[in-house]
C-alpha atoms as a PDB file:
ATOM      1  CA  MET A   1      17.665 -26.010  -1.044  1.00  0.00           C
ATOM      2  CA  LEU A   2      20.888 -24.504   0.225  1.00  0.00           C
ATOM      3  CA  SER A   3      23.743 -26.715   1.299  1.00  0.00           C
ATOM      4  CA  PHE A   4      25.084 -26.582   4.841  1.00  0.00           C
ATOM      5  CA  HIS A   5      28.052 -24.506   3.684  1.00  0.00           C
ATOM      6  CA  GLU A   6      25.781 -22.040   1.840  1.00  0.00           C
ATOM      7  CA  ARG A   7      23.505 -21.654   4.860  1.00  0.00           C
ATOM      8  CA  LYS A   8      26.513 -21.058   7.105  1.00  0.00           C
ATOM      9  CA  THR A   9      27.874 -18.447   4.679  1.00  0.00           C
ATOM     10  CA  LEU A  10      24.478 -16.763   4.501  1.00  0.00           C
ATOM     11  CA  ARG A  11      24.199 -16.599   8.313  1.00  0.00           C
ATOM     12  CA  GLU A  12      27.688 -15.082   8.539  1.00  0.00           C
ATOM     13  CA  LEU A  13      26.792 -12.503   5.916  1.00  0.00           C
ATOM     14  CA  GLN A  14      23.579 -11.624   7.773  1.00  0.00           C
ATOM     15  CA  HIS A  15      25.476 -11.224  11.053  1.00  0.00           C
ATOM     16  CA  ARG A  16      28.050  -8.961   9.385  1.00  0.00           C
ATOM     17  CA  LEU A  17      25.357  -6.804   7.780  1.00  0.00           C
ATOM     18  CA  LEU A  18      23.502  -6.430  11.081  1.00  0.00           C
ATOM     19  CA  ALA A  19      26.744  -5.599  12.890  1.00  0.00           C
ATOM     20  CA  ASP A  20      27.562  -2.918  10.298  1.00  0.00           C
ATOM     21  CA  ASP A  21      24.069  -1.380  10.284  1.00  0.00           C
ATOM     22  CA  PRO A  22      21.763  -2.304  13.195  1.00  0.00           C
ATOM     23  CA  ASP A  23      18.885  -0.287  11.662  1.00  0.00           C
ATOM     24  CA  LEU A  24      18.951  -2.412   8.511  1.00  0.00           C
ATOM     25  CA  GLU A  25      16.776  -5.152   9.991  1.00  0.00           C
ATOM     26  CA  ARG A  26      14.203  -2.635  11.238  1.00  0.00           C
ATOM     27  CA  SER A  27      13.997  -0.969   7.822  1.00  0.00           C
ATOM     28  CA  PHE A  28      13.146  -4.304   6.173  1.00  0.00           C
ATOM     29  CA  ARG A  29      10.679  -5.230   8.898  1.00  0.00           C
ATOM     30  CA  ASP A  30       8.848  -1.850   8.797  1.00  0.00           C
ATOM     31  CA  ALA A  31       8.690  -1.488   4.999  1.00  0.00           C
ATOM     32  CA  PRO A  32       5.416  -3.459   4.472  1.00  0.00           C
ATOM     33  CA  LEU A  33       3.717  -1.441   7.226  1.00  0.00           C
ATOM     34  CA  ARG A  34       4.776   1.866   5.640  1.00  0.00           C
ATOM     35  CA  ARG A  35       3.521   0.689   2.237  1.00  0.00           C
ATOM     36  CA  ALA A  36       0.188  -0.431   3.680  1.00  0.00           C
ATOM     37  CA  LEU A  37      -0.320   2.817   5.585  1.00  0.00           C
ATOM     38  CA  GLY A  38       0.697   4.852   2.551  1.00  0.00           C
ATOM     39  CA  ARG A  39      -1.764   2.953   0.371  1.00  0.00           C
ATOM     40  CA  ARG A  40      -4.582   3.432   2.867  1.00  0.00           C
ATOM     41  CA  VAL A  41      -3.914   7.163   3.185  1.00  0.00           C
ATOM     42  CA  ARG A  42      -3.833   7.635  -0.604  1.00  0.00           C
ATOM     43  CA  LEU A  43      -7.079   5.727  -1.058  1.00  0.00           C
ATOM     44  CA  ALA A  44      -8.785   7.633   1.781  1.00  0.00           C
ATOM     45  CA  LEU A  45      -7.729  10.933   0.208  1.00  0.00           C
ATOM     46  CA  THR A  46      -8.990   9.731  -3.173  1.00  0.00           C
ATOM     47  CA  VAL A  47     -12.381   8.793  -1.716  1.00  0.00           C
ATOM     48  CA  PHE A  48     -12.691  12.094   0.149  1.00  0.00           C
ATOM     49  CA  THR A  49     -11.637  14.177  -2.868  1.00  0.00           C
ATOM     50  CA  ALA A  50     -13.943  12.278  -5.216  1.00  0.00           C
ATOM     51  CA  CYS A  51     -16.900  12.746  -2.883  1.00  0.00           C
ATOM     52  CA  ALA A  52     -16.232  16.460  -2.467  1.00  0.00           C
ATOM     53  CA  PHE A  53     -15.714  16.952  -6.208  1.00  0.00           C
ATOM     54  CA  GLY A  54     -18.881  14.961  -6.955  1.00  0.00           C
ATOM     55  CA  VAL A  55     -20.953  17.167  -4.641  1.00  0.00           C
ATOM     56  CA  VAL A  56     -19.557  20.313  -6.275  1.00  0.00           C
ATOM     57  CA  LEU A  57     -20.368  18.955  -9.747  1.00  0.00           C
ATOM     58  CA  LEU A  58     -23.870  18.035  -8.618  1.00  0.00           C
ATOM     59  CA  LEU A  59     -24.418  21.540  -7.230  1.00  0.00           C
ATOM     60  CA  LEU A  60     -23.147  23.026 -10.494  1.00  0.00           C
ATOM     61  CA  GLY A  61     -25.779  21.057 -12.407  1.00  0.00           C
ATOM     62  CA  SER A  62     -23.685  18.300 -13.953  1.00  0.00           C
ATOM     63  CA  PRO A  63     -25.242  15.039 -12.749  1.00  0.00           C
ATOM     64  CA  ALA A  64     -23.504  12.874 -15.373  1.00  0.00           C
ATOM     65  CA  SER A  65     -20.065  14.062 -14.271  1.00  0.00           C
ATOM     66  CA  ALA A  66     -21.059  13.686 -10.626  1.00  0.00           C
ATOM     67  CA  LEU A  67     -22.112  10.103 -11.354  1.00  0.00           C
ATOM     68  CA  GLY A  68     -18.709   9.383 -12.945  1.00  0.00           C
ATOM     69  CA  ILE A  69     -16.948  10.805  -9.914  1.00  0.00           C
ATOM     70  CA  ALA A  70     -19.214   8.716  -7.655  1.00  0.00           C
ATOM     71  CA  VAL A  71     -18.073   5.593  -9.516  1.00  0.00           C
ATOM     72  CA  VAL A  72     -14.439   6.558  -8.853  1.00  0.00           C
ATOM     73  CA  ALA A  73     -15.253   7.059  -5.166  1.00  0.00           C
ATOM     74  CA  VAL A  74     -16.998   3.678  -4.888  1.00  0.00           C
ATOM     75  CA  VAL A  75     -14.165   1.811  -6.642  1.00  0.00           C
ATOM     76  CA  SER A  76     -11.604   3.542  -4.412  1.00  0.00           C
ATOM     77  CA  TRP A  77     -13.666   2.702  -1.331  1.00  0.00           C
ATOM     78  CA  LEU A  78     -13.834  -0.959  -2.344  1.00  0.00           C
ATOM     79  CA  MET A  79     -10.070  -1.016  -2.886  1.00  0.00           C
ATOM     80  CA  TRP A  80      -9.626   0.545   0.551  1.00  0.00           C
ATOM     81  CA  LEU A  81     -11.683  -2.229   2.171  1.00  0.00           C
ATOM     82  CA  ARG A  82      -9.774  -4.973   0.359  1.00  0.00           C
ATOM     83  CA  PRO A  83      -6.911  -6.609   2.279  1.00  0.00           C
ATOM     84  CA  ASP A  84      -3.541  -4.985   1.557  1.00  0.00           C
ATOM     85  CA  ASP A  85      -1.930  -8.090   0.055  1.00  0.00           C
ATOM     86  CA  ALA A  86      -4.833  -9.036  -2.255  1.00  0.00           C
ATOM     87  CA  GLY A  87      -4.026  -9.136  -5.939  1.00  0.00           C
ATOM     88  CA  HIS A  88      -0.251  -8.938  -5.619  1.00  0.00           C
ATOM     89  CA  GLY A  89       0.383 -12.518  -6.664  1.00  0.00           C
ATOM     90  CA  LYS A  90       1.967 -13.495  -3.367  1.00  0.00           C
ATOM     91  CA  PRO A  91       1.477 -17.094  -2.230  1.00  0.00           C
END
């Protein structure tokens, strides 16, 4: 727990930082959204690529490889459906 003096000093520091750079607060506030969107886009691309690659392998006559790629697609899909903060150890 911070003392009254420490809290007052912290508030003053925050006010000075925001006065120096008004976009600083927005960058901290928007960072989790950018990470979540970036994660979702990467996983969607992984699922799409794995499905396309699996179909090509199946057409080329390699069902075992296509099955392996299908497993990657399913795991990626399940990760995509999982909430963004799951498994990060946050309380």
